[in-house]
PDB file of N, CA and C in Angstrom:
ATOM      1  N   VAL A   1    -155.615 109.779  21.942  1.00  0.00           N
ATOM      2  CA  VAL A   1    -156.799 109.083  23.160  1.00  0.00           C
ATOM      3  C   VAL A   1    -157.699 109.827  22.805  1.00  0.00           C
ATOM      4  N   ASN A   2    -158.645 108.520  22.456  1.00  0.00           N
ATOM      5  CA  ASN A   2    -159.999 108.609  21.727  1.00  0.00           C
ATOM      6  C   ASN A   2    -161.183 108.495  22.577  1.00  0.00           C
ATOM      7  N   THR A   3    -161.071 107.710  23.596  1.00  0.00           N
ATOM      8  CA  THR A   3    -162.280 107.297  24.454  1.00  0.00           C
ATOM      9  C   THR A   3    -162.045 107.445  25.762  1.00  0.00           C
ATOM     10  N   VAL A   4    -163.044 107.318  26.432  1.00  0.00           N
ATOM     11  CA  VAL A   4    -162.797 107.373  28.139  1.00  0.00           C
ATOM     12  C   VAL A   4    -162.333 106.445  28.746  1.00  0.00           C
ATOM     13  N   ARG A   5    -162.223 105.385  28.135  1.00  0.00           N
ATOM     14  CA  ARG A   5    -161.472 104.033  28.541  1.00  0.00           C
ATOM     15  C   ARG A   5    -160.071 104.119  28.263  1.00  0.00           C
ATOM     16  N   GLU A   6    -159.664 104.752  27.083  1.00  0.00           N
ATOM     17  CA  GLU A   6    -158.247 104.839  26.864  1.00  0.00           C
ATOM     18  C   GLU A   6    -157.573 105.995  27.782  1.00  0.00           C
ATOM     19  N   ALA A   7    -158.681 106.870  28.147  1.00  0.00           N
ATOM     20  CA  ALA A   7    -158.102 108.189  29.089  1.00  0.00           C
ATOM     21  C   ALA A   7    -157.956 107.499  30.221  1.00  0.00           C
ATOM     22  N   VAL A   8    -158.610 106.653  30.931  1.00  0.00           N
ATOM     23  CA  VAL A   8    -158.549 105.957  32.213  1.00  0.00           C
ATOM     24  C   VAL A   8    -157.219 105.171  32.044  1.00  0.00           C
ATOM     25  N   GLY A   9    -156.640 104.662  30.728  1.00  0.00           N
ATOM     26  CA  GLY A   9    -155.755 103.762  30.756  1.00  0.00           C
ATOM     27  C   GLY A   9    -154.587 104.905  30.881  1.00  0.00           C
ATOM     28  N   VAL A  10    -154.060 105.763  30.271  1.00  0.00           N
ATOM     29  CA  VAL A  10    -153.311 106.968  30.185  1.00  0.00           C
ATOM     30  C   VAL A  10    -153.256 107.392  32.075  1.00  0.00           C
ATOM     31  N   ALA A  11    -154.279 107.924  32.556  1.00  0.00           N
ATOM     32  CA  ALA A  11    -154.191 108.333  33.694  1.00  0.00           C
ATOM     33  C   ALA A  11    -153.644 107.290  35.296  1.00  0.00           C
ATOM     34  N   ASP A  12    -154.141 106.103  34.784  1.00  0.00           N
ATOM     35  CA  ASP A  12    -153.657 104.910  35.591  1.00  0.00           C
ATOM     36  C   ASP A  12    -152.177 104.954  35.172  1.00  0.00           C
ATOM     37  N   ARG A  13    -151.239 104.607  34.146  1.00  0.00           N
ATOM     38  CA  ARG A  13    -150.129 104.752  33.600  1.00  0.00           C
ATOM     39  C   ARG A  13    -148.900 105.924  34.288  1.00  0.00           C
ATOM     40  N   VAL A  14    -149.881 107.166  34.092  1.00  0.00           N
ATOM     41  CA  VAL A  14    -149.318 108.163  34.705  1.00  0.00           C
ATOM     42  C   VAL A  14    -149.194 108.361  35.889  1.00  0.00           C
ATOM     43  N   ALA A  15    -150.228 108.094  36.587  1.00  0.00           N
ATOM     44  CA  ALA A  15    -150.040 107.913  37.948  1.00  0.00           C
ATOM     45  C   ALA A  15    -149.897 109.213  38.703  1.00  0.00           C
ATOM     46  N   HIS A  16    -150.263 110.128  38.388  1.00  0.00           N
ATOM     47  CA  HIS A  16    -149.986 111.575  39.246  1.00  0.00           C
ATOM     48  C   HIS A  16    -151.619 112.286  39.497  1.00  0.00           C
ATOM     49  N   PRO A  17    -151.721 112.860  40.424  1.00  0.00           N
ATOM     50  CA  PRO A  17    -153.166 113.368  40.935  1.00  0.00           C
ATOM     51  C   PRO A  17    -153.521 114.617  39.739  1.00  0.00           C
ATOM     52  N   SER A  18    -152.624 115.306  39.009  1.00  0.00           N
ATOM     53  CA  SER A  18    -153.423 115.872  37.999  1.00  0.00           C
ATOM     54  C   SER A  18    -153.422 115.715  36.785  1.00  0.00           C
ATOM     55  N   VAL A  19    -153.295 114.313  36.343  1.00  0.00           N
ATOM     56  CA  VAL A  19    -154.061 113.554  35.081  1.00  0.00           C
ATOM     57  C   VAL A  19    -155.222 112.841  35.597  1.00  0.00           C
ATOM     58  N   GLN A  20    -156.328 113.277  34.967  1.00  0.00           N
ATOM     59  CA  GLN A  20    -157.440 112.975  35.369  1.00  0.00           C
ATOM     60  C   GLN A  20    -158.454 112.859  33.725  1.00  0.00           C
ATOM     61  N   VAL A  21    -159.521 112.454  34.270  1.00  0.00           N
ATOM     62  CA  VAL A  21    -160.372 111.841  32.764  1.00  0.00           C
ATOM     63  C   VAL A  21    -161.285 113.008  32.621  1.00  0.00           C
ATOM     64  N   LEU A  22    -161.772 113.467  31.403  1.00  0.00           N
ATOM     65  CA  LEU A  22    -162.877 113.560  30.855  1.00  0.00           C
ATOM     66  C   LEU A  22    -163.907 112.828  30.281  1.00  0.00           C
ATOM     67  N   SER A  23    -164.748 113.061  30.032  1.00  0.00           N
ATOM     68  CA  SER A  23    -166.061 112.205  29.523  1.00  0.00           C
ATOM     69  C   SER A  23    -167.108 113.515  29.027  1.00  0.00           C
ATOM     70  N   ASP A  24    -167.196 113.456  27.403  1.00  0.00           N
ATOM     71  CA  ASP A  24    -168.243 113.822  27.030  1.00  0.00           C
ATOM     72  C   ASP A  24    -169.234 113.573  26.238  1.00  0.00           C
ATOM     73  N   LEU A  25    -170.429 113.347  26.478  1.00  0.00           N
ATOM     74  CA  LEU A  25    -171.300 113.022  26.008  1.00  0.00           C
ATOM     75  C   LEU A  25    -171.603 112.814  24.428  1.00  0.00           C
ATOM     76  N   TYR A  26    -171.391 113.890  24.098  1.00  0.00           N
ATOM     77  CA  TYR A  26    -171.207 114.096  21.940  1.00  0.00           C
ATOM     78  C   TYR A  26    -170.204 113.041  21.889  1.00  0.00           C
ATOM     79  N   HIS A  27    -169.098 112.880  22.440  1.00  0.00           N
ATOM     80  CA  HIS A  27    -168.286 112.089  21.626  1.00  0.00           C
ATOM     81  C   HIS A  27    -168.477 110.680  22.190  1.00  0.00           C
ATOM     82  N   VAL A  28    -168.800 110.566  23.264  1.00  0.00           N
ATOM     83  CA  VAL A  28    -169.226 109.090  23.790  1.00  0.00           C
ATOM     84  C   VAL A  28    -170.030 108.574  22.628  1.00  0.00           C
ATOM     85  N   ASP A  29    -171.016 109.252  22.726  1.00  0.00           N
ATOM     86  CA  ASP A  29    -172.616 108.934  21.751  1.00  0.00           C
ATOM     87  C   ASP A  29    -171.580 108.436  20.397  1.00  0.00           C
ATOM     88  N   ALA A  30    -171.124 109.636  19.882  1.00  0.00           N
ATOM     89  CA  ALA A  30    -170.878 109.514  18.784  1.00  0.00           C
ATOM     90  C   ALA A  30    -169.682 108.183  18.463  1.00  0.00           C
ATOM     91  N   GLY A  31    -168.890 108.007  19.290  1.00  0.00           N
ATOM     92  CA  GLY A  31    -168.322 107.010  19.109  1.00  0.00           C
ATOM     93  C   GLY A  31    -168.598 105.456  19.214  1.00  0.00           C
ATOM     94  N   GLY A  32    -169.726 105.594  19.898  1.00  0.00           N
ATOM     95  CA  GLY A  32    -170.461 104.227  20.130  1.00  0.00           C
ATOM     96  C   GLY A  32    -170.062 103.774  21.599  1.00  0.00           C
ATOM     97  N   GLU A  33    -169.228 104.542  22.060  1.00  0.00           N
ATOM     98  CA  GLU A  33    -168.863 104.250  23.661  1.00  0.00           C
ATOM     99  C   GLU A  33    -169.797 103.545  24.372  1.00  0.00           C
ATOM    100  N   PRO A  34    -169.967 102.791  25.165  1.00  0.00           N
ATOM    101  CA  PRO A  34    -170.978 102.358  26.296  1.00  0.00           C
ATOM    102  C   PRO A  34    -170.429 103.272  27.613  1.00  0.00           C
ATOM    103  N   PHE A  35    -171.904 103.664  27.799  1.00  0.00           N
ATOM    104  CA  PHE A  35    -171.430 104.485  29.297  1.00  0.00           C
ATOM    105  C   PHE A  35    -170.965 103.968  30.216  1.00  0.00           C
ATOM    106  N   GLU A  36    -171.154 102.560  30.464  1.00  0.00           N
ATOM    107  CA  GLU A  36    -170.038 102.214  31.338  1.00  0.00           C
ATOM    108  C   GLU A  36    -168.728 102.108  31.055  1.00  0.00           C
ATOM    109  N   ASP A  37    -168.062 103.035  30.426  1.00  0.00           N
ATOM    110  CA  ASP A  37    -166.974 103.588  30.306  1.00  0.00           C
ATOM    111  C   ASP A  37    -166.384 104.640  30.956  1.00  0.00           C
ATOM    112  N   THR A  38    -167.543 105.609  31.053  1.00  0.00           N
ATOM    113  CA  THR A  38    -167.517 106.742  32.009  1.00  0.00           C
ATOM    114  C   THR A  38    -167.610 105.985  33.272  1.00  0.00           C
ATOM    115  N   THR A  39    -168.449 105.288  33.443  1.00  0.00           N
ATOM    116  CA  THR A  39    -168.585 104.673  35.059  1.00  0.00           C
ATOM    117  C   THR A  39    -167.171 104.295  35.400  1.00  0.00           C
ATOM    118  N   PHE A  40    -166.855 103.435  34.471  1.00  0.00           N
ATOM    119  CA  PHE A  40    -165.439 102.509  34.682  1.00  0.00           C
ATOM    120  C   PHE A  40    -164.527 103.863  35.004  1.00  0.00           C
ATOM    121  N   ALA A  41    -164.361 105.144  34.616  1.00  0.00           N
ATOM    122  CA  ALA A  41    -163.521 106.083  34.960  1.00  0.00           C
ATOM    123  C   ALA A  41    -163.437 106.307  36.599  1.00  0.00           C
ATOM    124  N   GLY A  42    -164.467 106.021  37.132  1.00  0.00           N
ATOM    125  CA  GLY A  42    -164.561 106.317  39.042  1.00  0.00           C
ATOM    126  C   GLY A  42    -163.956 107.271  39.114  1.00  0.00           C
ATOM    127  N   GLY A  43    -163.298 107.358  40.463  1.00  0.00           N
ATOM    128  CA  GLY A  43    -162.600 108.488  40.774  1.00  0.00           C
ATOM    129  C   GLY A  43    -161.473 109.467  39.849  1.00  0.00           C
ATOM    130  N   LEU A  44    -161.189 109.019  39.056  1.00  0.00           N
ATOM    131  CA  LEU A  44    -160.803 109.447  37.646  1.00  0.00           C
ATOM    132  C   LEU A  44    -161.399 110.548  37.225  1.00  0.00           C
ATOM    133  N   LEU A  45    -162.350 110.336  37.199  1.00  0.00           N
ATOM    134  CA  LEU A  45    -163.263 111.589  36.183  1.00  0.00           C
ATOM    135  C   LEU A  45    -163.429 112.668  36.784  1.00  0.00           C
ATOM    136  N   ALA A  46    -162.981 113.683  36.265  1.00  0.00           N
ATOM    137  CA  ALA A  46    -162.588 115.126  36.715  1.00  0.00           C
ATOM    138  C   ALA A  46    -163.630 116.289  36.198  1.00  0.00           C
ATOM    139  N   HIS A  47    -163.783 115.456  34.707  1.00  0.00           N
ATOM    140  CA  HIS A  47    -164.905 116.733  34.392  1.00  0.00           C
ATOM    141  C   HIS A  47    -165.819 116.071  33.293  1.00  0.00           C
ATOM    142  N   VAL A  48    -166.975 116.787  33.021  1.00  0.00           N
ATOM    143  CA  VAL A  48    -167.889 116.183  31.915  1.00  0.00           C
ATOM    144  C   VAL A  48    -168.533 117.425  31.461  1.00  0.00           C
ATOM    145  N   HIS A  49    -168.828 116.993  29.765  1.00  0.00           N
ATOM    146  CA  HIS A  49    -169.511 118.023  28.691  1.00  0.00           C
ATOM    147  C   HIS A  49    -170.496 117.412  28.479  1.00  0.00           C
ATOM    148  N   VAL A  50    -171.781 118.036  28.119  1.00  0.00           N
ATOM    149  CA  VAL A  50    -172.667 117.452  27.619  1.00  0.00           C
ATOM    150  C   VAL A  50    -173.251 118.129  26.459  1.00  0.00           C
ATOM    151  N   ALA A  51    -173.817 117.420  25.176  1.00  0.00           N
ATOM    152  CA  ALA A  51    -174.490 118.123  24.635  1.00  0.00           C
ATOM    153  C   ALA A  51    -175.626 117.251  23.725  1.00  0.00           C
ATOM    154  N   THR A  52    -176.538 117.332  22.989  1.00  0.00           N
ATOM    155  CA  THR A  52    -177.569 116.438  22.155  1.00  0.00           C
ATOM    156  C   THR A  52    -176.468 116.037  21.402  1.00  0.00           C
ATOM    157  N   PRO A  53    -176.882 114.571  21.419  1.00  0.00           N
ATOM    158  CA  PRO A  53    -175.976 113.790  20.548  1.00  0.00           C
ATOM    159  C   PRO A  53    -176.435 114.067  18.901  1.00  0.00           C
ATOM    160  N   GLN A  54    -177.463 114.169  18.482  1.00  0.00           N
ATOM    161  CA  GLN A  54    -177.829 114.513  17.184  1.00  0.00           C
ATOM    162  C   GLN A  54    -177.161 115.950  16.423  1.00  0.00           C
ATOM    163  N   ASN A  55    -177.172 116.910  17.316  1.00  0.00           N
ATOM    164  CA  ASN A  55    -176.707 118.363  16.690  1.00  0.00           C
ATOM    165  C   ASN A  55    -175.629 119.002  17.441  1.00  0.00           C
ATOM    166  N   ARG A  56    -175.138 118.927  18.486  1.00  0.00           N
ATOM    167  CA  ARG A  56    -174.082 118.945  19.589  1.00  0.00           C
ATOM    168  C   ARG A  56    -174.713 120.494  19.862  1.00  0.00           C
ATOM    169  N   SER A  57    -176.288 120.348  20.250  1.00  0.00           N
ATOM    170  CA  SER A  57    -176.535 121.744  20.899  1.00  0.00           C
ATOM    171  C   SER A  57    -177.157 121.181  22.407  1.00  0.00           C
ATOM    172  N   ILE A  58    -177.502 122.243  23.091  1.00  0.00           N
ATOM    173  CA  ILE A  58    -177.861 122.119  24.578  1.00  0.00           C
ATOM    174  C   ILE A  58    -178.834 121.128  24.861  1.00  0.00           C
ATOM    175  N   PRO A  59    -178.713 120.144  25.450  1.00  0.00           N
ATOM    176  CA  PRO A  59    -180.012 119.237  25.614  1.00  0.00           C
ATOM    177  C   PRO A  59    -181.318 120.035  26.297  1.00  0.00           C
ATOM    178  N   LEU A  60    -182.106 120.099  25.799  1.00  0.00           N
ATOM    179  CA  LEU A  60    -183.699 120.612  25.643  1.00  0.00           C
ATOM    180  C   LEU A  60    -184.629 119.290  26.169  1.00  0.00           C
ATOM    181  N   PRO A  61    -185.917 119.335  26.752  1.00  0.00           N
ATOM    182  CA  PRO A  61    -186.757 118.693  26.853  1.00  0.00           C
ATOM    183  C   PRO A  61    -187.393 118.199  25.517  1.00  0.00           C
ATOM    184  N   GLY A  62    -187.474 116.949  25.536  1.00  0.00           N
ATOM    185  CA  GLY A  62    -187.955 116.340  23.919  1.00  0.00           C
ATOM    186  C   GLY A  62    -186.846 115.885  22.806  1.00  0.00           C
ATOM    187  N   ARG A  63    -185.510 116.299  23.372  1.00  0.00           N
ATOM    188  CA  ARG A  63    -184.490 115.571  22.363  1.00  0.00           C
ATOM    189  C   ARG A  63    -183.525 114.809  23.295  1.00  0.00           C
ATOM    190  N   SER A  64    -183.283 113.792  22.844  1.00  0.00           N
ATOM    191  CA  SER A  64    -182.436 112.419  23.385  1.00  0.00           C
ATOM    192  C   SER A  64    -182.619 112.281  25.097  1.00  0.00           C
ATOM    193  N   GLU A  65    -183.831 112.453  25.665  1.00  0.00           N
ATOM    194  CA  GLU A  65    -184.316 112.267  26.873  1.00  0.00           C
ATOM    195  C   GLU A  65    -183.487 111.095  27.580  1.00  0.00           C
ATOM    196  N   ASP A  66    -183.814 109.963  26.964  1.00  0.00           N
ATOM    197  CA  ASP A  66    -183.446 108.605  27.333  1.00  0.00           C
ATOM    198  C   ASP A  66    -181.797 108.404  27.504  1.00  0.00           C
ATOM    199  N   VAL A  67    -180.917 109.228  26.210  1.00  0.00           N
ATOM    200  CA  VAL A  67    -179.503 109.130  26.376  1.00  0.00           C
ATOM    201  C   VAL A  67    -179.074 110.188  27.409  1.00  0.00           C
ATOM    202  N   LEU A  68    -179.543 111.194  27.477  1.00  0.00           N
ATOM    203  CA  LEU A  68    -179.172 112.081  28.764  1.00  0.00           C
ATOM    204  C   LEU A  68    -179.534 111.176  30.077  1.00  0.00           C
ATOM    205  N   GLU A  69    -180.626 110.748  30.505  1.00  0.00           N
ATOM    206  CA  GLU A  69    -181.054 110.350  31.465  1.00  0.00           C
ATOM    207  C   GLU A  69    -179.372 108.750  31.757  1.00  0.00           C
ATOM    208  N   ARG A  70    -179.713 108.371  31.013  1.00  0.00           N
ATOM    209  CA  ARG A  70    -178.241 107.056  30.643  1.00  0.00           C
ATOM    210  C   ARG A  70    -177.064 107.188  31.246  1.00  0.00           C
ATOM    211  N   TYR A  71    -176.858 108.724  30.515  1.00  0.00           N
ATOM    212  CA  TYR A  71    -175.396 109.121  31.148  1.00  0.00           C
ATOM    213  C   TYR A  71    -175.411 109.793  32.110  1.00  0.00           C
ATOM    214  N   PHE A  72    -176.235 110.262  32.711  1.00  0.00           N
ATOM    215  CA  PHE A  72    -176.369 110.630  34.296  1.00  0.00           C
ATOM    216  C   PHE A  72    -176.218 109.578  35.509  1.00  0.00           C
ATOM    217  N   ARG A  73    -176.868 108.443  34.598  1.00  0.00           N
ATOM    218  CA  ARG A  73    -176.943 107.280  35.706  1.00  0.00           C
ATOM    219  C   ARG A  73    -175.495 106.981  35.328  1.00  0.00           C
ATOM    220  N   ALA A  74    -175.092 106.836  34.702  1.00  0.00           N
ATOM    221  CA  ALA A  74    -173.405 106.098  34.630  1.00  0.00           C
ATOM    222  C   ALA A  74    -172.691 107.482  35.112  1.00  0.00           C
ATOM    223  N   LEU A  75    -172.764 108.484  35.655  1.00  0.00           N
ATOM    224  CA  LEU A  75    -172.120 109.368  36.331  1.00  0.00           C
ATOM    225  C   LEU A  75    -172.334 109.017  37.767  1.00  0.00           C
ATOM    226  N   LEU A  76    -173.677 108.776  38.186  1.00  0.00           N
ATOM    227  CA  LEU A  76    -173.856 108.805  39.408  1.00  0.00           C
ATOM    228  C   LEU A  76    -173.070 107.480  39.965  1.00  0.00           C
ATOM    229  N   ALA A  77    -173.234 106.469  38.999  1.00  0.00           N
ATOM    230  CA  ALA A  77    -172.727 104.875  39.111  1.00  0.00           C
ATOM    231  C   ALA A  77    -171.462 105.053  39.814  1.00  0.00           C
ATOM    232  N   CYS A  78    -170.537 105.909  39.283  1.00  0.00           N
ATOM    233  CA  CYS A  78    -169.076 105.949  39.745  1.00  0.00           C
ATOM    234  C   CYS A  78    -168.740 107.594  40.678  1.00  0.00           C
ATOM    235  N   GLY A  79    -169.766 107.759  41.316  1.00  0.00           N
ATOM    236  CA  GLY A  79    -169.703 108.736  42.292  1.00  0.00           C
ATOM    237  C   GLY A  79    -169.409 110.297  41.648  1.00  0.00           C
ATOM    238  N   TYR A  80    -169.596 110.549  40.541  1.00  0.00           N
ATOM    239  CA  TYR A  80    -169.433 111.760  40.081  1.00  0.00           C
ATOM    240  C   TYR A  80    -170.461 112.867  40.855  1.00  0.00           C
ATOM    241  N   ASP A  81    -170.013 113.643  41.369  1.00  0.00           N
ATOM    242  CA  ASP A  81    -170.695 115.006  41.685  1.00  0.00           C
ATOM    243  C   ASP A  81    -170.066 116.067  41.436  1.00  0.00           C
ATOM    244  N   GLY A  82    -169.599 116.541  40.084  1.00  0.00           N
ATOM    245  CA  GLY A  82    -168.932 117.393  39.745  1.00  0.00           C
ATOM    246  C   GLY A  82    -169.639 118.331  39.184  1.00  0.00           C
ATOM    247  N   ARG A  83    -168.614 119.306  38.312  1.00  0.00           N
ATOM    248  CA  ARG A  83    -169.861 120.068  37.280  1.00  0.00           C
ATOM    249  C   ARG A  83    -169.710 119.765  35.866  1.00  0.00           C
ATOM    250  N   VAL A  84    -170.755 119.839  35.472  1.00  0.00           N
ATOM    251  CA  VAL A  84    -171.457 119.580  34.042  1.00  0.00           C
ATOM    252  C   VAL A  84    -171.222 121.072  33.083  1.00  0.00           C
ATOM    253  N   SER A  85    -170.762 120.855  32.228  1.00  0.00           N
ATOM    254  CA  SER A  85    -170.743 122.115  31.136  1.00  0.00           C
ATOM    255  C   SER A  85    -171.179 121.459  29.771  1.00  0.00           C
ATOM    256  N   VAL A  86    -171.697 122.423  29.422  1.00  0.00           N
ATOM    257  CA  VAL A  86    -172.324 122.187  27.799  1.00  0.00           C
ATOM    258  C   VAL A  86    -171.130 122.817  26.700  1.00  0.00           C
ATOM    259  N   GLU A  87    -171.002 121.670  26.166  1.00  0.00           N
ATOM    260  CA  GLU A  87    -170.610 122.021  25.052  1.00  0.00           C
ATOM    261  C   GLU A  87    -170.946 121.974  23.928  1.00  0.00           C
ATOM    262  N   GLY A  88    -171.434 122.939  23.280  1.00  0.00           N
ATOM    263  CA  GLY A  88    -172.344 122.912  22.042  1.00  0.00           C
ATOM    264  C   GLY A  88    -173.007 124.302  21.621  1.00  0.00           C
ATOM    265  N   THR A  89    -174.043 123.916  21.318  1.00  0.00           N
ATOM    266  CA  THR A  89    -174.850 125.400  20.509  1.00  0.00           C
ATOM    267  C   THR A  89    -175.818 125.757  21.717  1.00  0.00           C
ATOM    268  N   TRP A  90    -176.269 126.843  21.167  1.00  0.00           N
ATOM    269  CA  TRP A  90    -177.421 127.369  21.762  1.00  0.00           C
ATOM    270  C   TRP A  90    -177.944 128.861  21.247  1.00  0.00           C
ATOM    271  N   SER A  91    -179.295 129.076  21.309  1.00  0.00           N
ATOM    272  CA  SER A  91    -179.808 130.313  21.442  1.00  0.00           C
ATOM    273  C   SER A  91    -179.696 131.175  22.940  1.00  0.00           C
ATOM    274  N   PRO A  92    -179.860 132.224  22.718  1.00  0.00           N
ATOM    275  CA  PRO A  92    -180.080 132.797  23.939  1.00  0.00           C
ATOM    276  C   PRO A  92    -181.546 132.690  24.800  1.00  0.00           C
ATOM    277  N   ASP A  93    -182.538 132.467  23.836  1.00  0.00           N
ATOM    278  CA  ASP A  93    -183.749 131.678  24.442  1.00  0.00           C
ATOM    279  C   ASP A  93    -183.713 130.328  25.023  1.00  0.00           C
ATOM    280  N   GLN A  94    -182.654 129.776  24.584  1.00  0.00           N
ATOM    281  CA  GLN A  94    -182.797 128.451  24.866  1.00  0.00           C
ATOM    282  C   GLN A  94    -181.949 128.142  26.261  1.00  0.00           C
ATOM    283  N   LEU A  95    -181.024 129.143  26.547  1.00  0.00           N
ATOM    284  CA  LEU A  95    -180.016 128.750  27.735  1.00  0.00           C
ATOM    285  C   LEU A  95    -180.555 128.429  28.754  1.00  0.00           C
ATOM    286  N   ALA A  96    -181.708 129.395  29.340  1.00  0.00           N
ATOM    287  CA  ALA A  96    -182.404 128.991  30.642  1.00  0.00           C
ATOM    288  C   ALA A  96    -183.215 127.672  30.726  1.00  0.00           C
ATOM    289  N   GLN A  97    -183.452 127.416  29.518  1.00  0.00           N
ATOM    290  CA  GLN A  97    -184.881 126.079  29.511  1.00  0.00           C
ATOM    291  C   GLN A  97    -183.675 125.069  29.244  1.00  0.00           C
ATOM    292  N   GLY A  98    -182.181 125.417  28.689  1.00  0.00           N
ATOM    293  CA  GLY A  98    -181.466 123.908  28.512  1.00  0.00           C
ATOM    294  C   GLY A  98    -181.165 123.890  30.289  1.00  0.00           C
ATOM    295  N   VAL A  99    -180.844 124.841  31.031  1.00  0.00           N
ATOM    296  CA  VAL A  99    -179.913 124.740  32.348  1.00  0.00           C
ATOM    297  C   VAL A  99    -181.030 124.034  33.333  1.00  0.00           C
ATOM    298  N   ALA A 100    -182.302 124.547  32.882  1.00  0.00           N
ATOM    299  CA  ALA A 100    -183.110 124.203  33.870  1.00  0.00           C
ATOM    300  C   ALA A 100    -183.302 122.677  33.763  1.00  0.00           C
ATOM    301  N   TYR A 101    -183.617 122.406  32.685  1.00  0.00           N
ATOM    302  CA  TYR A 101    -183.667 120.917  31.907  1.00  0.00           C
ATOM    303  C   TYR A 101    -182.758 119.909  32.486  1.00  0.00           C
ATOM    304  N   LEU A 102    -181.621 120.424  32.344  1.00  0.00           N
ATOM    305  CA  LEU A 102    -180.308 119.694  32.930  1.00  0.00           C
ATOM    306  C   LEU A 102    -180.269 119.281  34.519  1.00  0.00           C
ATOM    307  N   ARG A 103    -180.798 120.570  35.223  1.00  0.00           N
ATOM    308  CA  ARG A 103    -180.998 120.586  36.617  1.00  0.00           C
ATOM    309  C   ARG A 103    -182.067 119.566  37.123  1.00  0.00           C
ATOM    310  N   GLU A 104    -183.026 119.561  36.254  1.00  0.00           N
ATOM    311  CA  GLU A 104    -183.991 118.858  36.548  1.00  0.00           C
ATOM    312  C   GLU A 104    -183.823 117.075  36.301  1.00  0.00           C
ATOM    313  N   THR A 105    -183.270 116.842  35.227  1.00  0.00           N
ATOM    314  CA  THR A 105    -182.952 115.868  35.012  1.00  0.00           C
ATOM    315  C   THR A 105    -182.182 115.129  35.864  1.00  0.00           C
ATOM    316  N   TRP A 106    -180.854 115.917  36.357  1.00  0.00           N
ATOM    317  CA  TRP A 106    -180.188 115.167  37.262  1.00  0.00           C
ATOM    318  C   TRP A 106    -181.061 115.018  38.666  1.00  0.00           C
ATOM    319  N   ALA A 107    -181.546 116.059  38.958  1.00  0.00           N
ATOM    320  CA  ALA A 107    -182.492 115.430  40.180  1.00  0.00           C
ATOM    321  C   ALA A 107    -183.384 114.498  40.151  1.00  0.00           C
ATOM    322  N   ARG A 108    -184.123 114.203  38.922  1.00  0.00           N
ATOM    323  CA  ARG A 108    -184.993 113.307  38.888  1.00  0.00           C
ATOM    324  C   ARG A 108    -184.383 111.807  38.880  1.00  0.00           C
ATOM    325  N   VAL A 109    -182.974 112.073  38.059  1.00  0.00           N
ATOM    326  CA  VAL A 109    -182.505 110.540  38.093  1.00  0.00           C
ATOM    327  C   VAL A 109    -181.404 110.237  39.110  1.00  0.00           C
ATOM    328  N   SER A 110    -180.913 111.214  39.897  1.00  0.00           N
ATOM    329  CA  SER A 110    -180.450 111.003  41.421  1.00  0.00           C
ATOM    330  C   SER A 110    -181.225 110.854  42.208  1.00  0.00           C
ATOM    331  N   GLY A 111    -182.400 111.210  42.059  1.00  0.00           N
ATOM    332  CA  GLY A 111    -183.669 111.053  43.226  1.00  0.00           C
ATOM    333  C   GLY A 111    -183.151 112.109  44.260  1.00  0.00           C
ATOM    334  N   ASN A 112    -182.355 112.865  44.452  1.00  0.00           N
ATOM    335  CA  ASN A 112    -182.143 113.570  45.701  1.00  0.00           C
ATOM    336  C   ASN A 112    -182.331 115.256  45.391  1.00  0.00           C
ATOM    337  N   GLY A 113    -182.773 115.905  44.462  1.00  0.00           N
ATOM    338  CA  GLY A 113    -182.942 116.942  43.941  1.00  0.00           C
ATOM    339  C   GLY A 113    -181.597 117.833  44.040  1.00  0.00           C
ATOM    340  N   GLY A 114    -180.355 117.100  43.803  1.00  0.00           N
ATOM    341  CA  GLY A 114    -178.995 117.817  43.347  1.00  0.00           C
ATOM    342  C   GLY A 114    -179.001 118.499  42.297  1.00  0.00           C
ATOM    343  N   THR A 115    -178.115 119.650  42.002  1.00  0.00           N
ATOM    344  CA  THR A 115    -177.992 120.185  40.915  1.00  0.00           C
ATOM    345  C   THR A 115    -176.798 120.118  40.290  1.00  0.00           C
TER     346      THR A 115
END
């Protein structure tokens, strides 16, 4: 299974509530998948990973802002309101800034100040 759409197909065929879908921004972008495929996952989307597409690091202001915003819009479009984890690298001084940036971006895109 290499794409979100393929994962949806597997989850649909298995049809068991414990088999769900993960979307990983880094891999979605690297694989050239449209963000609409993450939206297509709908209620099957159980977890999300984010990282800056260029270097698999924690998203920070000034790095791939448009990509992060489009990805968050795709998540909102399918009703996702679960956890978002960072799967990448960061230095200790980047962590607080990165988490704040992710929260601010989600709040801006969602328009409701959610975290």
